[in-house]
Structures are given as structure tokens and as C-alpha cells.
């Protein structure tokens, strides 16, 4: 009986230790400083927003390990600090490894910024071609009148599901290796957002840009739109706008 009790106690201790280690990698964040601290900590693999908050000048570093960001229905207002500090900067993990960035159930508003940096900014080269970026139930509104992208993803695979509403002045996505839009997804993507006046096309705004500017390697940039998905790609610029899907893309598959 004592031996059984000892084994049971050991098993419970191991189970408790395992649960502690699992929970230790998930953090709750209620401010931009806490958000950046979690992003910059490679031991954290999930962040849960407990309330809405504004950004500050505290900056992020390059991350090579996957992470999940659960917005929990809250909003981040990008209103302070340089645009490069707002960006979630990712780079490929060690050779042979892959990484996943999952962002869901979150609202993002950019009321100030500079350059083309958006939520995710790497570069257009394939420096993140071993990353998969999953987004679900996400919105991003750029409200200031200057050029800005939502995500420059450098060869990553992008997967969209749920309701996606992205309104920028430059492209929604730049440099994706592929964009996979899941069945039943509702994706509304706009470029030249702040130049729009009551849903009418205009010659104002940052210039002729696309909504999806695909991989910088010709023939790549495959796009798949799943069954019963609704995809609206809109460019409000009248002065020689690029096509909604532009330049280096390969096969586009549209299910029923």
C-alpha cells in the first residue's frame, strides 16, 4: 500500500510539474509594455489580451520562435512610437525548423505611423519562408493618410479564416509564398483606405498599389480560395491602380 501511495504521489508530482511548465509558457497581457515583453521572450509561446490598450515607444525584437496571440476580442490602438517599433519582426528559425505565428480574435487600429511598416514587417526577400502565419477573426484599420502595409511577410505561408477585414493605404500582404483562404471565410481587403470618400473611387491617396503583392520570385505566390468563401479586394485609387493581385503570382484556385 505504501509503495502504491509513493508511486501515485510521484505520478501526481510529475503531472503537476508538467502542468506548471505548460502554463508557464502562456502569459496574460494588459498593456503594450507587457505585450512587447511577451513577444521578446522566446520562452513565451502564447499571449492572451485581457483588455484593450494603446501602443507606446517600447519596441519589439526579431523573433525566430512561433507564438500565438489571442486577442480575446480586444483592441490594440497603434498611436505612439515609431512604426518600426510597432512591427512584429520575424526571421527564420534554425535550419530545418519551422515556426507558426497565430493571431486571432483581435482588432487593430493604426492612427499614426511612418514608412510602409504595418503589423508584421520583415522584408520582401524570403527571410521568413519557413514561417506559417495564421489569422482568424481579425481587423486592421489604418486611419492616417500615409502609405502603410498590413504585413510584409518575406516568403511565408499565409492562412486566413473566419472574418478578416484589413484596410490599409498600401498592400494588405506583400511577399507571401502562398495565401490560403479557408472555406466560409469572409475577407474584405482594401488599399488606399484613407483616400476613400463614401465608398467612391478617388485619385487621392498614396499611389497605385495592389491589395495582394505576391512573392518576389516569379511563378510563386499561389492563392487558394476555399468553398463558400467571400473575398472582396478593393482599390479606391483611380490613377492607374495595380490589379488587386499583382505581379509575382502563380496559380489561383477558386473553389465553389
C-alpha atoms as a PDB file:
ATOM      1  CA  UNK A   1       0.000   0.000   0.000  1.00  0.00           C
ATOM      2  CA  UNK A   2       2.819   2.384   0.887  1.00  0.00           C
ATOM      3  CA  UNK A   3       4.572   1.518  -2.375  1.00  0.00           C
ATOM      4  CA  UNK A   4       1.393   2.260  -4.321  1.00  0.00           C
ATOM      5  CA  UNK A   5       0.956   5.553  -2.492  1.00  0.00           C
ATOM      6  CA  UNK A   6       4.557   6.518  -3.253  1.00  0.00           C
ATOM      7  CA  UNK A   7       4.139   5.737  -6.964  1.00  0.00           C
ATOM      8  CA  UNK A   8       0.855   7.646  -7.048  1.00  0.00           C
ATOM      9  CA  UNK A   9       2.466  10.630  -5.346  1.00  0.00           C
ATOM     10  CA  UNK A  10       5.353  10.575  -7.805  1.00  0.00           C
ATOM     11  CA  UNK A  11       2.944  10.446 -10.757  1.00  0.00           C
ATOM     12  CA  UNK A  12       0.936  13.356  -9.361  1.00  0.00           C
ATOM     13  CA  UNK A  13       4.136  15.318  -8.835  1.00  0.00           C
ATOM     14  CA  UNK A  14       5.224  14.730 -12.429  1.00  0.00           C
ATOM     15  CA  UNK A  15       1.757  15.693 -13.675  1.00  0.00           C
ATOM     16  CA  UNK A  16       1.817  18.892 -11.601  1.00  0.00           C
ATOM     17  CA  UNK A  17       5.279  19.752 -12.911  1.00  0.00           C
ATOM     18  CA  UNK A  18       4.097  19.172 -16.482  1.00  0.00           C
ATOM     19  CA  UNK A  19       1.068  21.415 -15.981  1.00  0.00           C
ATOM     20  CA  UNK A  20       3.249  24.119 -14.448  1.00  0.00           C
ATOM     21  CA  UNK A  21       5.619  24.067 -17.414  1.00  0.00           C
ATOM     22  CA  UNK A  22       2.731  24.243 -19.883  1.00  0.00           C
ATOM     23  CA  UNK A  23       1.097  27.153 -18.086  1.00  0.00           C
ATOM     24  CA  UNK A  24       4.403  28.966 -17.707  1.00  0.00           C
ATOM     25  CA  UNK A  25       4.584  29.487 -21.494  1.00  0.00           C
ATOM     26  CA  UNK A  26       1.237  31.368 -21.588  1.00  0.00           C
ATOM     27  CA  UNK A  27       1.038  34.961 -20.343  1.00  0.00           C
ATOM     28  CA  UNK A  28      -1.805  37.435 -19.909  1.00  0.00           C
ATOM     29  CA  UNK A  29      -1.058  40.952 -21.168  1.00  0.00           C
ATOM     30  CA  UNK A  30      -2.922  44.158 -20.367  1.00  0.00           C
ATOM     31  CA  UNK A  31      -0.543  46.807 -21.787  1.00  0.00           C
ATOM     32  CA  UNK A  32       1.756  47.376 -24.741  1.00  0.00           C
ATOM     33  CA  UNK A  33       4.807  47.004 -22.486  1.00  0.00           C
ATOM     34  CA  UNK A  34       3.587  43.580 -21.353  1.00  0.00           C
ATOM     35  CA  UNK A  35       2.800  42.632 -24.957  1.00  0.00           C
ATOM     36  CA  UNK A  36       6.327  43.544 -26.100  1.00  0.00           C
ATOM     37  CA  UNK A  37       7.853  41.753 -23.106  1.00  0.00           C
ATOM     38  CA  UNK A  38       5.989  38.569 -24.047  1.00  0.00           C
ATOM     39  CA  UNK A  39       6.942  38.885 -27.718  1.00  0.00           C
ATOM     40  CA  UNK A  40      10.605  39.434 -26.865  1.00  0.00           C
ATOM     41  CA  UNK A  41      10.693  36.381 -24.547  1.00  0.00           C
ATOM     42  CA  UNK A  42      11.359  33.195 -26.523  1.00  0.00           C
ATOM     43  CA  UNK A  43      10.031  31.096 -23.610  1.00  0.00           C
ATOM     44  CA  UNK A  44       6.531  32.518 -24.172  1.00  0.00           C
ATOM     45  CA  UNK A  45       4.503  30.708 -26.813  1.00  0.00           C
ATOM     46  CA  UNK A  46       1.071  32.260 -26.182  1.00  0.00           C
ATOM     47  CA  UNK A  47      -0.179  35.714 -25.187  1.00  0.00           C
ATOM     48  CA  UNK A  48      -3.776  36.453 -24.182  1.00  0.00           C
ATOM     49  CA  UNK A  49      -5.001  40.060 -24.151  1.00  0.00           C
ATOM     50  CA  UNK A  50      -7.043  40.791 -21.045  1.00  0.00           C
ATOM     51  CA  UNK A  51      -8.056  44.306 -22.124  1.00  0.00           C
ATOM     52  CA  UNK A  52      -7.625  46.840 -24.922  1.00  0.00           C
ATOM     53  CA  UNK A  53      -4.618  49.197 -24.845  1.00  0.00           C
ATOM     54  CA  UNK A  54      -2.565  51.729 -26.822  1.00  0.00           C
ATOM     55  CA  UNK A  55       0.965  51.254 -28.090  1.00  0.00           C
ATOM     56  CA  UNK A  56       3.917  53.231 -26.725  1.00  0.00           C
ATOM     57  CA  UNK A  57       7.527  53.727 -27.809  1.00  0.00           C
ATOM     58  CA  UNK A  58       8.591  50.367 -26.317  1.00  0.00           C
ATOM     59  CA  UNK A  59       9.905  48.275 -29.236  1.00  0.00           C
ATOM     60  CA  UNK A  60       9.922  44.621 -30.311  1.00  0.00           C
ATOM     61  CA  UNK A  61      12.884  42.490 -31.346  1.00  0.00           C
ATOM     62  CA  UNK A  62      13.222  39.866 -34.100  1.00  0.00           C
ATOM     63  CA  UNK A  63      11.604  36.560 -33.164  1.00  0.00           C
ATOM     64  CA  UNK A  64      12.550  33.126 -34.518  1.00  0.00           C
ATOM     65  CA  UNK A  65      10.188  31.011 -32.381  1.00  0.00           C
ATOM     66  CA  UNK A  66       6.474  30.532 -33.025  1.00  0.00           C
ATOM     67  CA  UNK A  67       3.824  32.208 -30.875  1.00  0.00           C
ATOM     68  CA  UNK A  68       0.035  32.513 -30.586  1.00  0.00           C
ATOM     69  CA  UNK A  69      -1.607  35.886 -29.954  1.00  0.00           C
ATOM     70  CA  UNK A  70      -5.158  35.568 -28.649  1.00  0.00           C
ATOM     71  CA  UNK A  71      -6.784  38.996 -28.772  1.00  0.00           C
ATOM     72  CA  UNK A  72      -9.732  37.735 -26.750  1.00  0.00           C
ATOM     73  CA  UNK A  73     -11.903  40.272 -28.615  1.00  0.00           C
ATOM     74  CA  UNK A  74      -9.778  43.252 -27.532  1.00  0.00           C
ATOM     75  CA  UNK A  75      -8.194  46.121 -29.479  1.00  0.00           C
ATOM     76  CA  UNK A  76      -4.634  47.426 -29.855  1.00  0.00           C
ATOM     77  CA  UNK A  77      -4.507  51.070 -30.921  1.00  0.00           C
ATOM     78  CA  UNK A  78      -1.173  51.895 -32.570  1.00  0.00           C
ATOM     79  CA  UNK A  79      -0.888  55.533 -31.541  1.00  0.00           C
ATOM     80  CA  UNK A  80       2.602  56.027 -30.090  1.00  0.00           C
ATOM     81  CA  UNK A  81       6.167  55.172 -31.044  1.00  0.00           C
ATOM     82  CA  UNK A  82       7.697  54.681 -34.475  1.00  0.00           C
ATOM     83  CA  UNK A  83       6.102  52.302 -36.948  1.00  0.00           C
ATOM     84  CA  UNK A  84       9.175  50.057 -36.857  1.00  0.00           C
ATOM     85  CA  UNK A  85       8.635  49.617 -33.119  1.00  0.00           C
ATOM     86  CA  UNK A  86       5.034  48.563 -33.718  1.00  0.00           C
ATOM     87  CA  UNK A  87       6.039  45.844 -36.118  1.00  0.00           C
ATOM     88  CA  UNK A  88       6.208  42.177 -35.171  1.00  0.00           C
ATOM     89  CA  UNK A  89       9.536  41.295 -36.771  1.00  0.00           C
ATOM     90  CA  UNK A  90      10.107  37.620 -37.546  1.00  0.00           C
ATOM     91  CA  UNK A  91      13.008  35.720 -39.087  1.00  0.00           C
ATOM     92  CA  UNK A  92      13.506  32.078 -39.987  1.00  0.00           C
ATOM     93  CA  UNK A  93      14.372  29.719 -37.124  1.00  0.00           C
ATOM     94  CA  UNK A  94      17.436  27.483 -37.286  1.00  0.00           C
ATOM     95  CA  UNK A  95      17.921  25.482 -40.477  1.00  0.00           C
ATOM     96  CA  UNK A  96      15.416  22.653 -40.885  1.00  0.00           C
ATOM     97  CA  UNK A  97      12.963  24.096 -38.363  1.00  0.00           C
ATOM     98  CA  UNK A  98       9.655  25.826 -38.997  1.00  0.00           C
ATOM     99  CA  UNK A  99       7.565  28.277 -36.977  1.00  0.00           C
ATOM    100  CA  UNK A 100       3.910  29.283 -36.643  1.00  0.00           C
ATOM    101  CA  UNK A 101       2.550  32.753 -35.878  1.00  0.00           C
ATOM    102  CA  UNK A 102      -1.149  32.583 -34.985  1.00  0.00           C
ATOM    103  CA  UNK A 103      -3.130  35.809 -34.446  1.00  0.00           C
ATOM    104  CA  UNK A 104      -6.863  35.672 -33.833  1.00  0.00           C
ATOM    105  CA  UNK A 105      -9.889  37.395 -32.316  1.00  0.00           C
ATOM    106  CA  UNK A 106      -8.270  40.823 -32.295  1.00  0.00           C
ATOM    107  CA  UNK A 107      -8.950  44.353 -33.539  1.00  0.00           C
ATOM    108  CA  UNK A 108      -6.070  46.580 -34.629  1.00  0.00           C
ATOM    109  CA  UNK A 109      -6.255  50.314 -35.345  1.00  0.00           C
ATOM    110  CA  UNK A 110      -3.320  52.349 -36.694  1.00  0.00           C
ATOM    111  CA  UNK A 111      -3.852  56.045 -36.034  1.00  0.00           C
ATOM    112  CA  UNK A 112      -0.230  57.011 -36.643  1.00  0.00           C
ATOM    113  CA  UNK A 113       2.798  55.548 -38.408  1.00  0.00           C
ATOM    114  CA  UNK A 114       5.584  56.085 -40.907  1.00  0.00           C
ATOM    115  CA  UNK A 115       7.022  54.390 -43.970  1.00  0.00           C
ATOM    116  CA  UNK A 116       5.384  51.151 -45.073  1.00  0.00           C
ATOM    117  CA  UNK A 117       5.666  49.199 -41.827  1.00  0.00           C
ATOM    118  CA  UNK A 118       2.495  47.578 -40.538  1.00  0.00           C
ATOM    119  CA  UNK A 119       1.699  44.878 -38.023  1.00  0.00           C
ATOM    120  CA  UNK A 120       4.277  42.470 -39.443  1.00  0.00           C
ATOM    121  CA  UNK A 121       7.370  43.803 -41.175  1.00  0.00           C
ATOM    122  CA  UNK A 122      10.337  41.754 -42.332  1.00  0.00           C
ATOM    123  CA  UNK A 123      11.265  42.468 -45.932  1.00  0.00           C
ATOM    124  CA  UNK A 124      10.220  41.206 -49.347  1.00  0.00           C
ATOM    125  CA  UNK A 125      13.029  38.641 -49.599  1.00  0.00           C
ATOM    126  CA  UNK A 126      12.392  35.086 -48.396  1.00  0.00           C
ATOM    127  CA  UNK A 127      13.699  35.611 -44.874  1.00  0.00           C
ATOM    128  CA  UNK A 128      10.562  34.030 -43.392  1.00  0.00           C
ATOM    129  CA  UNK A 129       9.909  31.209 -45.866  1.00  0.00           C
ATOM    130  CA  UNK A 130       9.817  28.646 -43.042  1.00  0.00           C
ATOM    131  CA  UNK A 131       7.037  30.534 -41.242  1.00  0.00           C
ATOM    132  CA  UNK A 132       3.300  29.941 -41.460  1.00  0.00           C
ATOM    133  CA  UNK A 133       1.115  32.881 -40.442  1.00  0.00           C
ATOM    134  CA  UNK A 134      -2.451  32.051 -39.448  1.00  0.00           C
ATOM    135  CA  UNK A 135      -5.025  34.814 -38.937  1.00  0.00           C
ATOM    136  CA  UNK A 136      -8.645  34.421 -37.916  1.00  0.00           C
ATOM    137  CA  UNK A 137     -11.328  36.918 -36.900  1.00  0.00           C
ATOM    138  CA  UNK A 138      -9.011  39.902 -37.287  1.00  0.00           C
ATOM    139  CA  UNK A 139      -9.486  43.515 -38.360  1.00  0.00           C
ATOM    140  CA  UNK A 140      -6.908  46.211 -39.104  1.00  0.00           C
ATOM    141  CA  UNK A 141      -7.905  49.790 -39.917  1.00  0.00           C
ATOM    142  CA  UNK A 142      -5.380  52.415 -40.990  1.00  0.00           C
ATOM    143  CA  UNK A 143      -6.881  55.834 -40.359  1.00  0.00           C
ATOM    144  CA  UNK A 144      -3.988  58.214 -41.172  1.00  0.00           C
ATOM    145  CA  UNK A 145      -3.272  59.487 -44.675  1.00  0.00           C
ATOM    146  CA  UNK A 146       0.106  57.959 -45.491  1.00  0.00           C
ATOM    147  CA  UNK A 147       1.342  54.775 -47.138  1.00  0.00           C
ATOM    148  CA  UNK A 148       1.375  51.714 -44.923  1.00  0.00           C
ATOM    149  CA  UNK A 149       1.070  47.967 -45.413  1.00  0.00           C
ATOM    150  CA  UNK A 150      -0.501  45.485 -43.062  1.00  0.00           C
ATOM    151  CA  UNK A 151       2.087  42.700 -43.377  1.00  0.00           C
ATOM    152  CA  UNK A 152       5.330  42.238 -45.313  1.00  0.00           C
ATOM    153  CA  UNK A 153       5.920  38.545 -44.809  1.00  0.00           C
ATOM    154  CA  UNK A 154       9.012  37.611 -46.843  1.00  0.00           C
ATOM    155  CA  UNK A 155       8.049  34.243 -48.346  1.00  0.00           C
ATOM    156  CA  UNK A 156       5.818  32.988 -45.518  1.00  0.00           C
ATOM    157  CA  UNK A 157       2.670  30.923 -45.997  1.00  0.00           C
ATOM    158  CA  UNK A 158      -0.425  32.936 -45.010  1.00  0.00           C
ATOM    159  CA  UNK A 159      -3.673  31.248 -43.932  1.00  0.00           C
ATOM    160  CA  UNK A 160      -6.866  33.244 -43.371  1.00  0.00           C
ATOM    161  CA  UNK A 161     -10.126  32.085 -41.774  1.00  0.00           C
ATOM    162  CA  UNK A 162     -13.196  33.481 -40.060  1.00  0.00           C
ATOM    163  CA  UNK A 163     -13.828  37.173 -40.709  1.00  0.00           C
ATOM    164  CA  UNK A 164     -10.841  39.192 -41.968  1.00  0.00           C
ATOM    165  CA  UNK A 165     -11.216  42.965 -42.532  1.00  0.00           C
ATOM    166  CA  UNK A 166      -7.997  44.789 -43.494  1.00  0.00           C
ATOM    167  CA  UNK A 167      -7.996  48.409 -44.682  1.00  0.00           C
ATOM    168  CA  UNK A 168      -4.630  49.929 -45.500  1.00  0.00           C
ATOM    169  CA  UNK A 169      -3.218  52.596 -47.800  1.00  0.00           C
ATOM    170  CA  UNK A 170      -0.668  50.233 -49.320  1.00  0.00           C
ATOM    171  CA  UNK A 171      -0.926  46.459 -49.723  1.00  0.00           C
ATOM    172  CA  UNK A 172      -2.628  44.137 -47.237  1.00  0.00           C
ATOM    173  CA  UNK A 173       0.027  41.445 -47.792  1.00  0.00           C
ATOM    174  CA  UNK A 174       3.398  41.682 -49.526  1.00  0.00           C
ATOM    175  CA  UNK A 175       5.756  38.836 -50.438  1.00  0.00           C
ATOM    176  CA  UNK A 176       3.667  35.836 -49.372  1.00  0.00           C
ATOM    177  CA  UNK A 177       4.719  32.453 -50.717  1.00  0.00           C
ATOM    178  CA  UNK A 178       1.052  31.462 -50.675  1.00  0.00           C
ATOM    179  CA  UNK A 179      -2.284  32.730 -49.371  1.00  0.00           C
ATOM    180  CA  UNK A 180      -4.803  30.080 -48.372  1.00  0.00           C
ATOM    181  CA  UNK A 181      -8.298  31.415 -47.634  1.00  0.00           C
ATOM    182  CA  UNK A 182     -10.262  28.753 -45.752  1.00  0.00           C
ATOM    183  CA  UNK A 183     -13.809  27.684 -46.689  1.00  0.00           C
ATOM    184  CA  UNK A 184     -16.569  30.031 -45.444  1.00  0.00           C
ATOM    185  CA  UNK A 185     -14.081  32.846 -44.762  1.00  0.00           C
ATOM    186  CA  UNK A 186     -15.209  36.443 -45.252  1.00  0.00           C
ATOM    187  CA  UNK A 187     -12.209  38.542 -46.309  1.00  0.00           C
ATOM    188  CA  UNK A 188     -12.568  42.244 -47.116  1.00  0.00           C
ATOM    189  CA  UNK A 189      -9.255  43.760 -48.192  1.00  0.00           C
ATOM    190  CA  UNK A 190      -8.788  47.427 -49.125  1.00  0.00           C
ATOM    191  CA  UNK A 191      -5.855  49.516 -50.316  1.00  0.00           C
ATOM    192  CA  UNK A 192      -5.910  53.329 -50.426  1.00  0.00           C
ATOM    193  CA  UNK A 193      -8.268  53.231 -47.463  1.00  0.00           C
ATOM    194  CA  UNK A 194      -7.891  56.782 -46.132  1.00  0.00           C
ATOM    195  CA  UNK A 195      -8.325  58.226 -49.643  1.00  0.00           C
ATOM    196  CA  UNK A 196     -11.806  56.721 -49.857  1.00  0.00           C
ATOM    197  CA  UNK A 197     -14.756  59.078 -49.641  1.00  0.00           C
ATOM    198  CA  UNK A 198     -18.122  57.399 -49.078  1.00  0.00           C
ATOM    199  CA  UNK A 199     -17.099  54.276 -50.990  1.00  0.00           C
ATOM    200  CA  UNK A 200     -16.251  56.248 -54.134  1.00  0.00           C
ATOM    201  CA  UNK A 201     -13.056  55.788 -56.126  1.00  0.00           C
ATOM    202  CA  UNK A 202     -10.617  58.677 -55.867  1.00  0.00           C
ATOM    203  CA  UNK A 203      -7.352  59.885 -57.354  1.00  0.00           C
ATOM    204  CA  UNK A 204      -6.077  60.853 -53.908  1.00  0.00           C
ATOM    205  CA  UNK A 205      -4.048  58.645 -51.611  1.00  0.00           C
ATOM    206  CA  UNK A 206      -0.541  57.192 -51.576  1.00  0.00           C
ATOM    207  CA  UNK A 207      -0.474  55.927 -55.165  1.00  0.00           C
ATOM    208  CA  UNK A 208      -1.165  52.932 -57.396  1.00  0.00           C
ATOM    209  CA  UNK A 209      -0.768  49.824 -55.249  1.00  0.00           C
ATOM    210  CA  UNK A 210      -2.329  46.369 -55.131  1.00  0.00           C
ATOM    211  CA  UNK A 211      -4.082  44.559 -52.293  1.00  0.00           C
ATOM    212  CA  UNK A 212      -2.049  41.345 -52.510  1.00  0.00           C
ATOM    213  CA  UNK A 213       1.509  41.748 -53.858  1.00  0.00           C
ATOM    214  CA  UNK A 214       2.801  38.207 -54.110  1.00  0.00           C
ATOM    215  CA  UNK A 215       6.203  36.563 -53.700  1.00  0.00           C
ATOM    216  CA  UNK A 216       9.227  38.320 -55.188  1.00  0.00           C
ATOM    217  CA  UNK A 217      10.068  35.120 -57.124  1.00  0.00           C
ATOM    218  CA  UNK A 218       8.170  34.923 -60.396  1.00  0.00           C
ATOM    219  CA  UNK A 219       5.777  31.970 -60.628  1.00  0.00           C
ATOM    220  CA  UNK A 220       5.385  31.680 -56.874  1.00  0.00           C
ATOM    221  CA  UNK A 221       2.628  33.323 -54.895  1.00  0.00           C
ATOM    222  CA  UNK A 222      -0.055  30.665 -55.140  1.00  0.00           C
ATOM    223  CA  UNK A 223      -3.527  31.598 -53.894  1.00  0.00           C
ATOM    224  CA  UNK A 224      -6.380  29.298 -52.931  1.00  0.00           C
ATOM    225  CA  UNK A 225      -9.905  30.472 -52.073  1.00  0.00           C
ATOM    226  CA  UNK A 226     -11.948  27.815 -50.295  1.00  0.00           C
ATOM    227  CA  UNK A 227     -15.535  26.773 -50.843  1.00  0.00           C
ATOM    228  CA  UNK A 228     -18.232  29.325 -49.929  1.00  0.00           C
ATOM    229  CA  UNK A 229     -15.643  31.967 -49.049  1.00  0.00           C
ATOM    230  CA  UNK A 230     -16.412  35.604 -49.837  1.00  0.00           C
ATOM    231  CA  UNK A 231     -13.379  37.625 -50.932  1.00  0.00           C
ATOM    232  CA  UNK A 232     -13.590  41.342 -51.815  1.00  0.00           C
ATOM    233  CA  UNK A 233     -10.365  43.097 -52.842  1.00  0.00           C
ATOM    234  CA  UNK A 234     -10.851  46.826 -53.381  1.00  0.00           C
ATOM    235  CA  UNK A 235      -8.529  49.610 -54.536  1.00  0.00           C
ATOM    236  CA  UNK A 236     -10.039  53.097 -54.328  1.00  0.00           C
ATOM    237  CA  UNK A 237      -7.289  54.789 -56.330  1.00  0.00           C
ATOM    238  CA  UNK A 238      -8.240  55.879 -59.871  1.00  0.00           C
ATOM    239  CA  UNK A 239      -4.773  56.847 -61.068  1.00  0.00           C
ATOM    240  CA  UNK A 240      -3.530  53.648 -62.782  1.00  0.00           C
ATOM    241  CA  UNK A 241      -4.132  51.301 -59.828  1.00  0.00           C
ATOM    242  CA  UNK A 242      -2.427  47.914 -59.907  1.00  0.00           C
ATOM    243  CA  UNK A 243      -4.554  44.796 -60.118  1.00  0.00           C
ATOM    244  CA  UNK A 244      -5.789  43.558 -56.696  1.00  0.00           C
ATOM    245  CA  UNK A 245      -3.456  40.540 -57.050  1.00  0.00           C
ATOM    246  CA  UNK A 246      -0.242  41.764 -58.581  1.00  0.00           C
ATOM    247  CA  UNK A 247       2.973  40.664 -60.267  1.00  0.00           C
ATOM    248  CA  UNK A 248       4.730  37.520 -58.945  1.00  0.00           C
ATOM    249  CA  UNK A 249       1.860  35.097 -58.507  1.00  0.00           C
ATOM    250  CA  UNK A 250       1.392  31.625 -59.924  1.00  0.00           C
ATOM    251  CA  UNK A 251      -1.749  29.526 -59.736  1.00  0.00           C
ATOM    252  CA  UNK A 252      -5.001  30.959 -58.343  1.00  0.00           C
ATOM    253  CA  UNK A 253      -7.521  28.301 -57.355  1.00  0.00           C
ATOM    254  CA  UNK A 254     -11.116  29.281 -56.591  1.00  0.00           C
ATOM    255  CA  UNK A 255     -13.421  26.609 -55.175  1.00  0.00           C
ATOM    256  CA  UNK A 256     -17.187  26.793 -55.470  1.00  0.00           C
END
